[in-house]
Amino acid sequence: LQVSRPTIREYISLLSQIFLLEELPPWHSNRLSRLVKTPKLHI
């Protein structure tokens, strides 16, 4: 898209606010330290 990362973040927030996108957060546990902490995107 040739736009900045902050702009993409702003757009994702806007699209989430009108319920077109959802971020699925990562599960975490004290038993495992090697878990990925990045959310998934779902339309």
ModelCIF file with pLDDT and N, C-alpha, C, O atoms, coordinates in Angstrom:
data_MODEL
#
_entry.id   MODEL 
#
_entity.id                         1 
_entity.type                       polymer 
_entity.pdbx_number_of_molecules   1 
#
_entity_poly.entity_id                      1 
_entity_poly.type                           'polypeptide(L)' 
_entity_poly.nstd_linkage                   no 
_entity_poly.nstd_monomer                   no 
_entity_poly.pdbx_seq_one_letter_code       LQVSRPTIREYISLLSQIFLLEELPPWHSNRLSRLVKTPKLHI 
_entity_poly.pdbx_seq_one_letter_code_can   LQVSRPTIREYISLLSQIFLLEELPPWHSNRLSRLVKTPKLHI 
_entity_poly.pdbx_strand_id                 A 
#
loop_
_entity_poly_seq.entity_id 
_entity_poly_seq.num 
_entity_poly_seq.mon_id 
_entity_poly_seq.hetero 
1 1  LEU n 
1 2  GLN n 
1 3  VAL n 
1 4  SER n 
1 5  ARG n 
1 6  PRO n 
1 7  THR n 
1 8  ILE n 
1 9  ARG n 
1 10 GLU n 
1 11 TYR n 
1 12 ILE n 
1 13 SER n 
1 14 LEU n 
1 15 LEU n 
1 16 SER n 
1 17 GLN n 
1 18 ILE n 
1 19 PHE n 
1 20 LEU n 
1 21 LEU n 
1 22 GLU n 
1 23 GLU n 
1 24 LEU n 
1 25 PRO n 
1 26 PRO n 
1 27 TRP n 
1 28 HIS n 
1 29 SER n 
1 30 ASN n 
1 31 ARG n 
1 32 LEU n 
1 33 SER n 
1 34 ARG n 
1 35 LEU n 
1 36 VAL n 
1 37 LYS n 
1 38 THR n 
1 39 PRO n 
1 40 LYS n 
1 41 LEU n 
1 42 HIS n 
1 43 ILE n 
#
_struct_asym.id          A 
_struct_asym.entity_id   1 
#
loop_
_ma_qa_metric.id 
_ma_qa_metric.mode 
_ma_qa_metric.name 
_ma_qa_metric.software_group_id 
_ma_qa_metric.type 
1 global pLDDT . pLDDT 
2 local  pLDDT . pLDDT 
#
_ma_qa_metric_global.metric_id      1 
_ma_qa_metric_global.metric_value   86.60 
_ma_qa_metric_global.model_id       1 
_ma_qa_metric_global.ordinal_id     1 
#
loop_
_ma_qa_metric_local.label_asym_id 
_ma_qa_metric_local.label_comp_id 
_ma_qa_metric_local.label_seq_id 
_ma_qa_metric_local.metric_id 
_ma_qa_metric_local.metric_value 
_ma_qa_metric_local.model_id 
_ma_qa_metric_local.ordinal_id 
A LEU 1  2 82.00 1 1  
A GLN 2  2 82.00 1 2  
A VAL 3  2 83.00 1 3  
A SER 4  2 87.00 1 4  
A ARG 5  2 89.00 1 5  
A PRO 6  2 88.00 1 6  
A THR 7  2 86.00 1 7  
A ILE 8  2 89.00 1 8  
A ARG 9  2 90.00 1 9  
A GLU 10 2 87.00 1 10 
A TYR 11 2 88.00 1 11 
A ILE 12 2 91.00 1 12 
A SER 13 2 90.00 1 13 
A LEU 14 2 88.00 1 14 
A LEU 15 2 90.00 1 15 
A SER 16 2 92.00 1 16 
A GLN 17 2 90.00 1 17 
A ILE 18 2 91.00 1 18 
A PHE 19 2 94.00 1 19 
A LEU 20 2 93.00 1 20 
A LEU 21 2 94.00 1 21 
A GLU 22 2 95.00 1 22 
A GLU 23 2 95.00 1 23 
A LEU 24 2 96.00 1 24 
A PRO 25 2 95.00 1 25 
A PRO 26 2 94.00 1 26 
A TRP 27 2 92.00 1 27 
A HIS 28 2 81.00 1 28 
A SER 29 2 73.00 1 29 
A ASN 30 2 63.00 1 30 
A ARG 31 2 63.00 1 31 
A LEU 32 2 62.00 1 32 
A SER 33 2 62.00 1 33 
A ARG 34 2 68.00 1 34 
A LEU 35 2 80.00 1 35 
A VAL 36 2 84.00 1 36 
A LYS 37 2 87.00 1 37 
A THR 38 2 91.00 1 38 
A PRO 39 2 94.00 1 39 
A LYS 40 2 96.00 1 40 
A LEU 41 2 96.00 1 41 
A HIS 42 2 97.00 1 42 
A ILE 43 2 96.00 1 43 
#
loop_
_atom_site.group_PDB 
_atom_site.id 
_atom_site.type_symbol 
_atom_site.label_atom_id 
_atom_site.label_alt_id 
_atom_site.label_comp_id 
_atom_site.label_asym_id 
_atom_site.label_entity_id 
_atom_site.label_seq_id 
_atom_site.pdbx_PDB_ins_code 
_atom_site.Cartn_x 
_atom_site.Cartn_y 
_atom_site.Cartn_z 
_atom_site.occupancy 
_atom_site.B_iso_or_equiv 
_atom_site.pdbx_formal_charge 
_atom_site.auth_seq_id 
_atom_site.auth_comp_id 
_atom_site.auth_asym_id 
_atom_site.auth_atom_id 
_atom_site.pdbx_PDB_model_num 
ATOM 1   N N  . LEU A 1 1  ? 0.821   -1.217  0.000  1.00 82.00 ? 1  LEU A N  1 
ATOM 2   C CA . LEU A 1 1  ? 0.000   0.000   0.000  1.00 82.00 ? 1  LEU A CA 1 
ATOM 3   C C  . LEU A 1 1  ? 0.849   1.259   0.000  1.00 82.00 ? 1  LEU A C  1 
ATOM 4   O O  . LEU A 1 1  ? 0.347   2.357   -0.241 1.00 82.00 ? 1  LEU A O  1 
ATOM 5   N N  . GLN A 1 2  ? 2.143   1.095   0.273  1.00 82.00 ? 2  GLN A N  1 
ATOM 6   C CA . GLN A 1 2  ? 3.080   2.222   0.338  1.00 82.00 ? 2  GLN A CA 1 
ATOM 7   C C  . GLN A 1 2  ? 2.628   3.286   1.341  1.00 82.00 ? 2  GLN A C  1 
ATOM 8   O O  . GLN A 1 2  ? 2.649   4.485   1.064  1.00 82.00 ? 2  GLN A O  1 
ATOM 9   N N  . VAL A 1 3  ? 2.223   2.806   2.503  1.00 83.00 ? 3  VAL A N  1 
ATOM 10  C CA . VAL A 1 3  ? 1.884   3.701   3.613  1.00 83.00 ? 3  VAL A CA 1 
ATOM 11  C C  . VAL A 1 3  ? 2.668   3.251   4.830  1.00 83.00 ? 3  VAL A C  1 
ATOM 12  O O  . VAL A 1 3  ? 3.217   2.149   4.853  1.00 83.00 ? 3  VAL A O  1 
ATOM 13  N N  . SER A 1 4  ? 2.718   4.102   5.835  1.00 87.00 ? 4  SER A N  1 
ATOM 14  C CA . SER A 1 4  ? 3.538   3.813   7.009  1.00 87.00 ? 4  SER A CA 1 
ATOM 15  C C  . SER A 1 4  ? 2.871   2.779   7.911  1.00 87.00 ? 4  SER A C  1 
ATOM 16  O O  . SER A 1 4  ? 1.665   2.544   7.839  1.00 87.00 ? 4  SER A O  1 
ATOM 17  N N  . ARG A 1 5  ? 3.697   2.169   8.763  1.00 89.00 ? 5  ARG A N  1 
ATOM 18  C CA . ARG A 1 5  ? 3.171   1.210   9.734  1.00 89.00 ? 5  ARG A CA 1 
ATOM 19  C C  . ARG A 1 5  ? 2.154   1.861   10.682 1.00 89.00 ? 5  ARG A C  1 
ATOM 20  O O  . ARG A 1 5  ? 1.112   1.260   10.946 1.00 89.00 ? 5  ARG A O  1 
ATOM 21  N N  . PRO A 1 6  ? 2.418   3.071   11.204 1.00 88.00 ? 6  PRO A N  1 
ATOM 22  C CA . PRO A 1 6  ? 1.403   3.704   12.056 1.00 88.00 ? 6  PRO A CA 1 
ATOM 23  C C  . PRO A 1 6  ? 0.074   3.927   11.332 1.00 88.00 ? 6  PRO A C  1 
ATOM 24  O O  . PRO A 1 6  ? -0.991  3.803   11.936 1.00 88.00 ? 6  PRO A O  1 
ATOM 25  N N  . THR A 1 7  ? 0.137   4.254   10.040 1.00 86.00 ? 7  THR A N  1 
ATOM 26  C CA . THR A 1 7  ? -1.094  4.457   9.267  1.00 86.00 ? 7  THR A CA 1 
ATOM 27  C C  . THR A 1 7  ? -1.860  3.150   9.127  1.00 86.00 ? 7  THR A C  1 
ATOM 28  O O  . THR A 1 7  ? -3.084  3.130   9.257  1.00 86.00 ? 7  THR A O  1 
ATOM 29  N N  . ILE A 1 8  ? -1.143  2.052   8.862  1.00 89.00 ? 8  ILE A N  1 
ATOM 30  C CA . ILE A 1 8  ? -1.800  0.748   8.783  1.00 89.00 ? 8  ILE A CA 1 
ATOM 31  C C  . ILE A 1 8  ? -2.455  0.415   10.116 1.00 89.00 ? 8  ILE A C  1 
ATOM 32  O O  . ILE A 1 8  ? -3.576  -0.092  10.152 1.00 89.00 ? 8  ILE A O  1 
ATOM 33  N N  . ARG A 1 9  ? -1.764  0.697   11.195 1.00 90.00 ? 9  ARG A N  1 
ATOM 34  C CA . ARG A 1 9  ? -2.326  0.444   12.517 1.00 90.00 ? 9  ARG A CA 1 
ATOM 35  C C  . ARG A 1 9  ? -3.618  1.251   12.729 1.00 90.00 ? 9  ARG A C  1 
ATOM 36  O O  . ARG A 1 9  ? -4.599  0.740   13.269 1.00 90.00 ? 9  ARG A O  1 
ATOM 37  N N  . GLU A 1 10 ? -3.598  2.517   12.293 1.00 87.00 ? 10 GLU A N  1 
ATOM 38  C CA . GLU A 1 10 ? -4.788  3.364   12.415 1.00 87.00 ? 10 GLU A CA 1 
ATOM 39  C C  . GLU A 1 10 ? -5.944  2.779   11.597 1.00 87.00 ? 10 GLU A C  1 
ATOM 40  O O  . GLU A 1 10 ? -7.086  2.743   12.055 1.00 87.00 ? 10 GLU A O  1 
ATOM 41  N N  . TYR A 1 11 ? -5.627  2.320   10.377 1.00 88.00 ? 11 TYR A N  1 
ATOM 42  C CA . TYR A 1 11 ? -6.673  1.762   9.518  1.00 88.00 ? 11 TYR A CA 1 
ATOM 43  C C  . TYR A 1 11 ? -7.241  0.470   10.103 1.00 88.00 ? 11 TYR A C  1 
ATOM 44  O O  . TYR A 1 11 ? -8.450  0.243   10.051 1.00 88.00 ? 11 TYR A O  1 
ATOM 45  N N  . ILE A 1 12 ? -6.380  -0.368  10.656 1.00 91.00 ? 12 ILE A N  1 
ATOM 46  C CA . ILE A 1 12 ? -6.857  -1.607  11.278 1.00 91.00 ? 12 ILE A CA 1 
ATOM 47  C C  . ILE A 1 12 ? -7.791  -1.282  12.440 1.00 91.00 ? 12 ILE A C  1 
ATOM 48  O O  . ILE A 1 12 ? -8.813  -1.943  12.621 1.00 91.00 ? 12 ILE A O  1 
ATOM 49  N N  . SER A 1 13 ? -7.445  -0.278  13.215 1.00 90.00 ? 13 SER A N  1 
ATOM 50  C CA . SER A 1 13 ? -8.312  0.129   14.334 1.00 90.00 ? 13 SER A CA 1 
ATOM 51  C C  . SER A 1 13 ? -9.666  0.613   13.842 1.00 90.00 ? 13 SER A C  1 
ATOM 52  O O  . SER A 1 13 ? -10.697 0.298   14.437 1.00 90.00 ? 13 SER A O  1 
ATOM 53  N N  . LEU A 1 14 ? -9.665  1.384   12.746 1.00 88.00 ? 14 LEU A N  1 
ATOM 54  C CA . LEU A 1 14 ? -10.923 1.877   12.192 1.00 88.00 ? 14 LEU A CA 1 
ATOM 55  C C  . LEU A 1 14 ? -11.791 0.732   11.674 1.00 88.00 ? 14 LEU A C  1 
ATOM 56  O O  . LEU A 1 14 ? -12.995 0.696   11.930 1.00 88.00 ? 14 LEU A O  1 
ATOM 57  N N  . LEU A 1 15 ? -11.183 -0.197  10.950 1.00 90.00 ? 15 LEU A N  1 
ATOM 58  C CA . LEU A 1 15 ? -11.942 -1.324  10.412 1.00 90.00 ? 15 LEU A CA 1 
ATOM 59  C C  . LEU A 1 15 ? -12.430 -2.243  11.529 1.00 90.00 ? 15 LEU A C  1 
ATOM 60  O O  . LEU A 1 15 ? -13.485 -2.865  11.407 1.00 90.00 ? 15 LEU A O  1 
ATOM 61  N N  . SER A 1 16 ? -11.666 -2.329  12.617 1.00 92.00 ? 16 SER A N  1 
ATOM 62  C CA . SER A 1 16 ? -12.112 -3.099  13.776 1.00 92.00 ? 16 SER A CA 1 
ATOM 63  C C  . SER A 1 16 ? -13.274 -2.403  14.468 1.00 92.00 ? 16 SER A C  1 
ATOM 64  O O  . SER A 1 16 ? -14.186 -3.053  14.979 1.00 92.00 ? 16 SER A O  1 
ATOM 65  N N  . GLN A 1 17 ? -13.233 -1.073  14.477 1.00 90.00 ? 17 GLN A N  1 
ATOM 66  C CA . GLN A 1 17 ? -14.275 -0.321  15.170 1.00 90.00 ? 17 GLN A CA 1 
ATOM 67  C C  . GLN A 1 17 ? -15.636 -0.469  14.491 1.00 90.00 ? 17 GLN A C  1 
ATOM 68  O O  . GLN A 1 17 ? -16.669 -0.345  15.148 1.00 90.00 ? 17 GLN A O  1 
ATOM 69  N N  . ILE A 1 18 ? -15.648 -0.733  13.175 1.00 91.00 ? 18 ILE A N  1 
ATOM 70  C CA . ILE A 1 18 ? -16.922 -0.968  12.492 1.00 91.00 ? 18 ILE A CA 1 
ATOM 71  C C  . ILE A 1 18 ? -17.142 -2.462  12.243 1.00 91.00 ? 18 ILE A C  1 
ATOM 72  O O  . ILE A 1 18 ? -17.939 -2.851  11.389 1.00 91.00 ? 18 ILE A O  1 
ATOM 73  N N  . PHE A 1 19 ? -16.427 -3.286  12.999 1.00 94.00 ? 19 PHE A N  1 
ATOM 74  C CA . PHE A 1 19 ? -16.664 -4.732  13.088 1.00 94.00 ? 19 PHE A CA 1 
ATOM 75  C C  . PHE A 1 19 ? -16.323 -5.500  11.807 1.00 94.00 ? 19 PHE A C  1 
ATOM 76  O O  . PHE A 1 19 ? -16.864 -6.584  11.584 1.00 94.00 ? 19 PHE A O  1 
ATOM 77  N N  . LEU A 1 20 ? -15.444 -4.964  10.970 1.00 93.00 ? 20 LEU A N  1 
ATOM 78  C CA . LEU A 1 20 ? -15.041 -5.693  9.773  1.00 93.00 ? 20 LEU A CA 1 
ATOM 79  C C  . LEU A 1 20 ? -13.813 -6.563  10.021 1.00 93.00 ? 20 LEU A C  1 
ATOM 80  O O  . LEU A 1 20 ? -13.580 -7.527  9.292  1.00 93.00 ? 20 LEU A O  1 
ATOM 81  N N  . LEU A 1 21 ? -13.031 -6.234  11.037 1.00 94.00 ? 21 LEU A N  1 
ATOM 82  C CA . LEU A 1 21 ? -11.842 -7.014  11.388 1.00 94.00 ? 21 LEU A CA 1 
ATOM 83  C C  . LEU A 1 21 ? -11.867 -7.323  12.876 1.00 94.00 ? 21 LEU A C  1 
ATOM 84  O O  . LEU A 1 21 ? -12.468 -6.597  13.668 1.00 94.00 ? 21 LEU A O  1 
ATOM 85  N N  . GLU A 1 22 ? -11.198 -8.423  13.242 1.00 95.00 ? 22 GLU A N  1 
ATOM 86  C CA . GLU A 1 22 ? -11.020 -8.751  14.651 1.00 95.00 ? 22 GLU A CA 1 
ATOM 87  C C  . GLU A 1 22 ? -9.608  -9.260  14.855 1.00 95.00 ? 22 GLU A C  1 
ATOM 88  O O  . GLU A 1 22 ? -9.082  -10.020 14.042 1.00 95.00 ? 22 GLU A O  1 
ATOM 89  N N  . GLU A 1 23 ? -9.003  -8.834  15.947 1.00 95.00 ? 23 GLU A N  1 
ATOM 90  C CA . GLU A 1 23 ? -7.703  -9.365  16.336 1.00 95.00 ? 23 GLU A CA 1 
ATOM 91  C C  . GLU A 1 23 ? -7.919  -10.410 17.426 1.00 95.00 ? 23 GLU A C  1 
ATOM 92  O O  . GLU A 1 23 ? -8.526  -10.131 18.460 1.00 95.00 ? 23 GLU A O  1 
ATOM 93  N N  . LEU A 1 24 ? -7.418  -11.604 17.182 1.00 96.00 ? 24 LEU A N  1 
ATOM 94  C CA . LEU A 1 24 ? -7.524  -12.697 18.142 1.00 96.00 ? 24 LEU A CA 1 
ATOM 95  C C  . LEU A 1 24 ? -6.232  -12.744 18.950 1.00 96.00 ? 24 LEU A C  1 
ATOM 96  O O  . LEU A 1 24 ? -5.177  -13.043 18.392 1.00 96.00 ? 24 LEU A O  1 
ATOM 97  N N  . PRO A 1 25 ? -6.286  -12.457 20.247 1.00 95.00 ? 25 PRO A N  1 
ATOM 98  C CA . PRO A 1 25 ? -5.051  -12.362 21.031 1.00 95.00 ? 25 PRO A CA 1 
ATOM 99  C C  . PRO A 1 25 ? -4.411  -13.731 21.258 1.00 95.00 ? 25 PRO A C  1 
ATOM 100 O O  . PRO A 1 25 ? -5.084  -14.757 21.157 1.00 95.00 ? 25 PRO A O  1 
ATOM 101 N N  . PRO A 1 26 ? -3.113  -13.747 21.567 1.00 94.00 ? 26 PRO A N  1 
ATOM 102 C CA . PRO A 1 26 ? -2.434  -15.020 21.847 1.00 94.00 ? 26 PRO A CA 1 
ATOM 103 C C  . PRO A 1 26 ? -2.750  -15.518 23.252 1.00 94.00 ? 26 PRO A C  1 
ATOM 104 O O  . PRO A 1 26 ? -2.914  -14.726 24.180 1.00 94.00 ? 26 PRO A O  1 
ATOM 105 N N  . TRP A 1 27 ? -2.831  -16.815 23.398 1.00 92.00 ? 27 TRP A N  1 
ATOM 106 C CA . TRP A 1 27 ? -2.973  -17.432 24.718 1.00 92.00 ? 27 TRP A CA 1 
ATOM 107 C C  . TRP A 1 27 ? -1.609  -17.435 25.405 1.00 92.00 ? 27 TRP A C  1 
ATOM 108 O O  . TRP A 1 27 ? -0.580  -17.549 24.739 1.00 92.00 ? 27 TRP A O  1 
ATOM 109 N N  . HIS A 1 28 ? -1.596  -17.312 26.713 1.00 81.00 ? 28 HIS A N  1 
ATOM 110 C CA . HIS A 1 28 ? -0.313  -17.308 27.418 1.00 81.00 ? 28 HIS A CA 1 
ATOM 111 C C  . HIS A 1 28 ? -0.398  -18.209 28.640 1.00 81.00 ? 28 HIS A C  1 
ATOM 112 O O  . HIS A 1 28 ? -1.479  -18.471 29.166 1.00 81.00 ? 28 HIS A O  1 
ATOM 113 N N  . SER A 1 29 ? 0.755   -18.673 29.078 1.00 73.00 ? 29 SER A N  1 
ATOM 114 C CA . SER A 1 29 ? 0.835   -19.549 30.239 1.00 73.00 ? 29 SER A CA 1 
ATOM 115 C C  . SER A 1 29 ? 2.198   -19.399 30.888 1.00 73.00 ? 29 SER A C  1 
ATOM 116 O O  . SER A 1 29 ? 3.211   -19.244 30.207 1.00 73.00 ? 29 SER A O  1 
ATOM 117 N N  . ASN A 1 30 ? 2.211   -19.445 32.194 1.00 63.00 ? 30 ASN A N  1 
ATOM 118 C CA . ASN A 1 30 ? 3.482   -19.401 32.919 1.00 63.00 ? 30 ASN A CA 1 
ATOM 119 C C  . ASN A 1 30 ? 4.305   -20.675 32.720 1.00 63.00 ? 30 ASN A C  1 
ATOM 120 O O  . ASN A 1 30 ? 5.509   -20.694 32.975 1.00 63.00 ? 30 ASN A O  1 
ATOM 121 N N  . ARG A 1 31 ? 3.637   -21.744 32.258 1.00 63.00 ? 31 ARG A N  1 
ATOM 122 C CA . ARG A 1 31 ? 4.333   -23.010 32.048 1.00 63.00 ? 31 ARG A CA 1 
ATOM 123 C C  . ARG A 1 31 ? 5.209   -22.985 30.799 1.00 63.00 ? 31 ARG A C  1 
ATOM 124 O O  . ARG A 1 31 ? 6.179   -23.735 30.698 1.00 63.00 ? 31 ARG A O  1 
ATOM 125 N N  . LEU A 1 32 ? 4.859   -22.113 29.844 1.00 62.00 ? 32 LEU A N  1 
ATOM 126 C CA . LEU A 1 32 ? 5.604   -22.054 28.581 1.00 62.00 ? 32 LEU A CA 1 
ATOM 127 C C  . LEU A 1 32 ? 6.100   -20.638 28.350 1.00 62.00 ? 32 LEU A C  1 
ATOM 128 O O  . LEU A 1 32 ? 5.306   -19.698 28.323 1.00 62.00 ? 32 LEU A O  1 
ATOM 129 N N  . SER A 1 33 ? 7.393   -20.479 28.184 1.00 62.00 ? 33 SER A N  1 
ATOM 130 C CA . SER A 1 33 ? 7.959   -19.149 27.952 1.00 62.00 ? 33 SER A CA 1 
ATOM 131 C C  . SER A 1 33 ? 8.185   -18.874 26.471 1.00 62.00 ? 33 SER A C  1 
ATOM 132 O O  . SER A 1 33 ? 8.496   -17.745 26.092 1.00 62.00 ? 33 SER A O  1 
ATOM 133 N N  . ARG A 1 34 ? 8.029   -19.909 25.619 1.00 68.00 ? 34 ARG A N  1 
ATOM 134 C CA . ARG A 1 34 ? 8.350   -19.753 24.200 1.00 68.00 ? 34 ARG A CA 1 
ATOM 135 C C  . ARG A 1 34 ? 7.094   -19.610 23.348 1.00 68.00 ? 34 ARG A C  1 
ATOM 136 O O  . ARG A 1 34 ? 7.041   -20.101 22.220 1.00 68.00 ? 34 ARG A O  1 
ATOM 137 N N  . LEU A 1 35 ? 6.094   -18.941 23.887 1.00 80.00 ? 35 LEU A N  1 
ATOM 138 C CA . LEU A 1 35 ? 4.872   -18.721 23.130 1.00 80.00 ? 35 LEU A CA 1 
ATOM 139 C C  . LEU A 1 35 ? 4.964   -17.431 22.324 1.00 80.00 ? 35 LEU A C  1 
ATOM 140 O O  . LEU A 1 35 ? 5.494   -16.427 22.800 1.00 80.00 ? 35 LEU A O  1 
ATOM 141 N N  . VAL A 1 36 ? 4.442   -17.467 21.101 1.00 84.00 ? 36 VAL A N  1 
ATOM 142 C CA . VAL A 1 36 ? 4.395   -16.275 20.256 1.00 84.00 ? 36 VAL A CA 1 
ATOM 143 C C  . VAL A 1 36 ? 3.330   -15.335 20.797 1.00 84.00 ? 36 VAL A C  1 
ATOM 144 O O  . VAL A 1 36 ? 2.235   -15.774 21.150 1.00 84.00 ? 36 VAL A O  1 
ATOM 145 N N  . LYS A 1 37 ? 3.638   -14.052 20.865 1.00 87.00 ? 37 LYS A N  1 
ATOM 146 C CA . LYS A 1 37 ? 2.735   -13.081 21.479 1.00 87.00 ? 37 LYS A CA 1 
ATOM 147 C C  . LYS A 1 37 ? 2.021   -12.194 20.463 1.00 87.00 ? 37 LYS A C  1 
ATOM 148 O O  . LYS A 1 37 ? 1.484   -11.145 20.819 1.00 87.00 ? 37 LYS A O  1 
ATOM 149 N N  . THR A 1 38 ? 2.017   -12.612 19.203 1.00 91.00 ? 38 THR A N  1 
ATOM 150 C CA . THR A 1 38 ? 1.397   -11.829 18.134 1.00 91.00 ? 38 THR A CA 1 
ATOM 151 C C  . THR A 1 38 ? -0.059  -12.249 17.943 1.00 91.00 ? 38 THR A C  1 
ATOM 152 O O  . THR A 1 38 ? -0.350  -13.445 17.938 1.00 91.00 ? 38 THR A O  1 
ATOM 153 N N  . PRO A 1 39 ? -0.985  -11.294 17.785 1.00 94.00 ? 39 PRO A N  1 
ATOM 154 C CA . PRO A 1 39 ? -2.374  -11.677 17.539 1.00 94.00 ? 39 PRO A CA 1 
ATOM 155 C C  . PRO A 1 39 ? -2.574  -12.188 16.114 1.00 94.00 ? 39 PRO A C  1 
ATOM 156 O O  . PRO A 1 39 ? -1.754  -11.953 15.227 1.00 94.00 ? 39 PRO A O  1 
ATOM 157 N N  . LYS A 1 40 ? -3.675  -12.883 15.924 1.00 96.00 ? 40 LYS A N  1 
ATOM 158 C CA . LYS A 1 40 ? -4.111  -13.267 14.584 1.00 96.00 ? 40 LYS A CA 1 
ATOM 159 C C  . LYS A 1 40 ? -5.168  -12.280 14.101 1.00 96.00 ? 40 LYS A C  1 
ATOM 160 O O  . LYS A 1 40 ? -5.891  -11.688 14.902 1.00 96.00 ? 40 LYS A O  1 
ATOM 161 N N  . LEU A 1 41 ? -5.246  -12.114 12.792 1.00 96.00 ? 41 LEU A N  1 
ATOM 162 C CA . LEU A 1 41 ? -6.309  -11.299 12.202 1.00 96.00 ? 41 LEU A CA 1 
ATOM 163 C C  . LEU A 1 41 ? -7.391  -12.201 11.637 1.00 96.00 ? 41 LEU A C  1 
ATOM 164 O O  . LEU A 1 41 ? -7.095  -13.185 10.959 1.00 96.00 ? 41 LEU A O  1 
ATOM 165 N N  . HIS A 1 42 ? -8.627  -11.874 11.912 1.00 97.00 ? 42 HIS A N  1 
ATOM 166 C CA . HIS A 1 42 ? -9.764  -12.541 11.285 1.00 97.00 ? 42 HIS A CA 1 
ATOM 167 C C  . HIS A 1 42 ? -10.685 -11.478 10.693 1.00 97.00 ? 42 HIS A C  1 
ATOM 168 O O  . HIS A 1 42 ? -10.998 -10.485 11.349 1.00 97.00 ? 42 HIS A O  1 
ATOM 169 N N  . ILE A 1 43 ? -11.114 -11.689 9.459  1.00 96.00 ? 43 ILE A N  1 
ATOM 170 C CA . ILE A 1 43 ? -12.110 -10.791 8.897  1.00 96.00 ? 43 ILE A CA 1 
ATOM 171 C C  . ILE A 1 43 ? -13.453 -11.132 9.528  1.00 96.00 ? 43 ILE A C  1 
ATOM 172 O O  . ILE A 1 43 ? -14.462 -10.503 9.210  1.00 96.00 ? 43 ILE A O  1 
#
